[in-house]
Protein backbone atom coordinates (compact mmCIF):
# COMPACT_ATOMS: atom_id res chain seq x y z
CA MET A 1 -13.25 33.93 -31.44
CA TYR A 2 -14.79 31.18 -29.25
CA PHE A 3 -15.98 33.38 -26.39
CA GLN A 4 -17.08 36.14 -28.75
CA ALA A 5 -20.02 33.90 -29.64
CA PHE A 6 -21.21 33.76 -26.02
CA PRO A 7 -23.87 36.23 -24.90
CA VAL A 8 -23.07 39.02 -22.46
CA ILE A 9 -25.17 39.29 -19.29
CA PRO A 10 -25.35 41.81 -16.44
CA TYR A 11 -23.71 40.37 -13.31
CA ASP A 12 -23.31 41.70 -9.77
CA ASN A 13 -20.36 39.82 -8.29
CA VAL A 14 -20.46 41.65 -4.96
CA GLY A 15 -24.20 41.85 -4.36
CA LYS A 16 -24.41 45.63 -4.06
CA GLY A 17 -26.50 46.28 -7.15
CA GLU A 18 -23.43 47.29 -9.17
CA PHE A 19 -23.84 45.26 -12.34
CA LYS A 20 -21.14 44.73 -14.93
CA ASP A 21 -21.51 43.16 -18.33
CA VAL A 22 -19.73 39.79 -18.38
CA THR A 23 -19.50 36.92 -20.82
CA ASN A 24 -21.88 34.14 -19.83
CA LEU A 25 -19.42 31.26 -19.48
CA LEU A 26 -22.16 28.92 -18.28
CA ARG A 27 -23.52 28.50 -21.79
CA ARG A 28 -22.81 25.10 -23.28
CA VAL A 29 -23.32 23.50 -26.63
CA ALA A 30 -22.76 19.81 -27.12
CA VAL A 31 -21.91 18.09 -30.35
CA ARG A 32 -24.45 15.42 -31.22
CA SER A 33 -23.23 11.84 -30.81
CA LYS A 34 -24.30 11.10 -34.35
CA VAL A 35 -22.01 13.83 -35.63
CA LYS A 36 -19.06 12.64 -33.53
CA THR A 37 -19.32 9.10 -34.86
CA SER A 38 -19.57 10.13 -38.51
CA THR A 39 -16.52 8.79 -40.31
CA VAL A 40 -17.22 11.13 -43.23
CA MET A 41 -16.80 14.28 -41.13
CA PHE A 42 -13.71 13.31 -39.15
CA ASP A 43 -10.16 12.13 -39.47
CA THR A 44 -8.23 10.46 -36.68
CA TYR A 45 -4.99 12.15 -35.74
CA ASP A 46 -2.20 11.17 -33.36
CA VAL A 47 -0.98 14.23 -31.46
CA LYS A 48 2.77 14.53 -31.86
CA GLU A 49 5.31 15.82 -29.33
CA GLY A 50 4.88 19.58 -29.10
CA ASP A 51 1.51 19.72 -30.86
CA THR A 52 -1.01 22.07 -29.29
CA PRO A 53 -4.65 22.55 -30.22
CA GLU A 54 -3.62 25.92 -31.70
CA SER A 55 -0.80 24.49 -33.82
CA ILE A 56 -3.03 21.71 -35.14
CA ALA A 57 -5.83 24.17 -35.95
CA ASP A 58 -3.31 26.40 -37.69
CA LYS A 59 -1.99 23.52 -39.82
CA LEU A 60 -5.40 22.05 -40.62
CA TYR A 61 -7.75 25.03 -40.69
CA ASP A 62 -5.23 27.85 -41.36
CA ASP A 63 -6.47 29.55 -38.19
CA PRO A 64 -5.11 28.86 -34.69
CA GLU A 65 -8.20 30.58 -33.23
CA LEU A 66 -10.24 27.53 -34.29
CA HIS A 67 -8.49 25.38 -31.67
CA TRP A 68 -11.79 25.27 -29.76
CA ILE A 69 -13.24 23.02 -32.47
CA ILE A 70 -10.57 20.42 -31.73
CA LEU A 71 -11.20 20.64 -27.99
CA LEU A 72 -14.99 20.48 -28.40
CA MET A 73 -14.86 17.51 -30.79
CA ASN A 74 -12.76 15.55 -28.31
CA ASN A 75 -14.66 16.50 -25.13
CA ILE A 76 -11.61 18.28 -23.76
CA THR A 77 -12.61 20.77 -21.10
CA ASP A 78 -9.25 20.91 -19.33
CA ARG A 79 -6.35 21.06 -21.74
CA TYR A 80 -3.81 20.81 -18.94
CA HIS A 81 -5.04 17.39 -17.79
CA GLN A 82 -6.82 16.07 -20.89
CA TRP A 83 -4.18 16.91 -23.50
CA PRO A 84 -1.03 14.79 -23.93
CA MET A 85 1.99 16.06 -22.04
CA ARG A 86 5.41 16.69 -23.51
CA MET A 87 7.94 14.04 -22.51
CA PRO A 88 9.81 16.06 -19.84
CA GLN A 89 6.49 17.12 -18.29
CA PHE A 90 5.24 13.52 -18.45
CA GLN A 91 8.35 12.11 -16.77
CA ALA A 92 8.11 14.70 -14.00
CA PHE A 93 4.40 13.89 -13.57
CA VAL A 94 5.05 10.14 -13.20
CA THR A 95 7.97 10.69 -10.82
CA GLU A 96 5.85 12.98 -8.66
CA LYS A 97 2.77 10.73 -8.70
CA TYR A 98 4.51 7.43 -7.91
CA SER A 99 7.22 6.70 -5.38
CA ASN A 100 8.28 3.86 -7.71
CA PRO A 101 7.44 4.52 -11.39
CA ASN A 102 8.59 0.97 -12.21
CA GLY A 103 6.38 -0.55 -9.52
CA VAL A 104 3.38 -2.73 -10.33
CA HIS A 105 0.33 -0.73 -11.28
CA HIS A 106 -1.73 -3.81 -12.18
CA TYR A 107 -1.61 -7.16 -13.92
CA GLU A 108 -3.37 -8.09 -17.13
CA VAL A 109 -4.25 -11.14 -19.17
CA PRO A 110 -5.25 -11.51 -22.83
CA GLN A 111 -8.95 -11.77 -23.56
CA ASP A 112 -9.91 -15.45 -24.14
CA SER A 113 -12.34 -14.97 -27.00
CA GLY A 114 -12.87 -12.50 -29.79
CA ASP A 115 -9.94 -10.15 -30.24
CA THR A 116 -7.29 -11.86 -28.12
CA SER A 117 -4.95 -8.88 -28.51
CA VAL A 118 -7.22 -7.03 -26.06
CA LYS A 119 -5.86 -7.10 -22.52
CA ILE A 120 -8.03 -7.33 -19.41
CA SER A 121 -6.86 -5.86 -16.13
CA ILE A 122 -7.09 -8.30 -13.22
CA GLY A 123 -6.03 -5.83 -10.56
CA VAL A 124 -2.99 -5.81 -8.32
CA ASP A 125 -3.10 -9.47 -7.28
CA ASN A 126 -2.09 -12.14 -9.80
CA THR A 127 -2.53 -15.14 -7.46
CA ASP A 128 -5.22 -16.68 -9.67
CA TYR A 129 -3.33 -15.77 -12.86
CA PRO A 130 0.39 -16.48 -12.32
CA ALA A 131 1.12 -15.95 -16.04
CA ALA A 132 -0.43 -12.48 -16.03
CA SER A 133 1.70 -9.65 -17.39
CA ILE A 134 2.87 -6.82 -15.17
CA VAL A 135 1.96 -3.28 -16.14
CA THR A 136 4.17 -0.77 -14.37
CA ASN A 137 3.01 2.62 -13.16
CA PHE A 138 5.02 4.22 -15.96
CA GLU A 139 3.50 1.94 -18.62
CA HIS A 140 0.00 2.60 -17.31
CA GLU A 141 0.45 6.38 -17.48
CA GLU A 142 2.10 6.08 -20.89
CA ARG A 143 -0.97 4.20 -22.18
CA GLU A 144 -3.21 6.92 -20.78
CA GLN A 145 -1.14 9.50 -22.68
CA ASP A 146 -1.33 7.41 -25.86
CA ASN A 147 -5.12 7.29 -25.53
CA MET A 148 -5.17 11.09 -25.23
CA ARG A 149 -3.01 11.35 -28.35
CA ARG A 150 -5.69 9.81 -30.57
CA ILE A 151 -8.05 12.64 -31.37
CA LYS A 152 -10.69 13.36 -33.95
CA LEU A 153 -10.34 16.29 -36.29
CA LEU A 154 -13.28 17.81 -38.11
CA ASP A 155 -12.75 17.70 -41.86
CA VAL A 156 -11.87 21.16 -43.11
CA ARG A 157 -14.83 21.07 -45.54
CA PHE A 158 -17.27 21.15 -42.63
CA VAL A 159 -15.65 23.90 -40.54
CA PRO A 160 -17.65 26.90 -41.86
CA GLN A 161 -20.95 25.07 -41.37
CA PHE A 162 -19.87 23.87 -37.92
CA VAL A 163 -18.86 27.36 -36.80
CA ASP A 164 -22.16 28.83 -38.04
CA GLU A 165 -24.13 26.11 -36.25
CA PHE A 166 -22.16 26.66 -33.05
CA HIS A 167 -22.87 30.40 -33.09
CA LYS A 168 -26.56 29.72 -33.65
CA ARG A 169 -26.79 27.11 -30.87
CA ILE A 170 -24.81 29.07 -28.26
CA LYS A 171 -27.31 31.91 -28.56
CA GLU A 172 -30.22 29.46 -28.17
CA SER A 173 -29.02 27.53 -25.13
CA VAL A 174 -31.02 27.98 -21.92
CA ILE A 175 -28.41 29.07 -19.38
């Protein structure tokens, strides 16, 4: 459904004048910042273990083919690196990335003013901050995964209008 909206162009991939019709994958449509920050149009969702963009789209929009809306709304262009991993995959990733998953990734201290629950990274040296908390490599990567888990979902009421607008804009884009 997503790529069906893209225009088809003649393309000669060898340079011998033998053109084939191909989908123009260079076309892009961006969602306006104003739309993305609208609290009326979106709900926040925490991706659960095993959730995929397709399964979420199926549950929410009754159509797994609308998974592209979820990816587009969350600026996800690479679902293999920008989508939360399943736990076994995550553990293998951390083990492969770090020789010591429990080693120090960085230290952090609480912010002094405002929201003191916010932590500030001070890097890998805590000499000036002996009371700083250690964040292990595993904890750091786990936080990154948790940040990926919080996504925005377009309210189902706006999906038909959004899809129509996308189709219109993809045909208008310059590339």
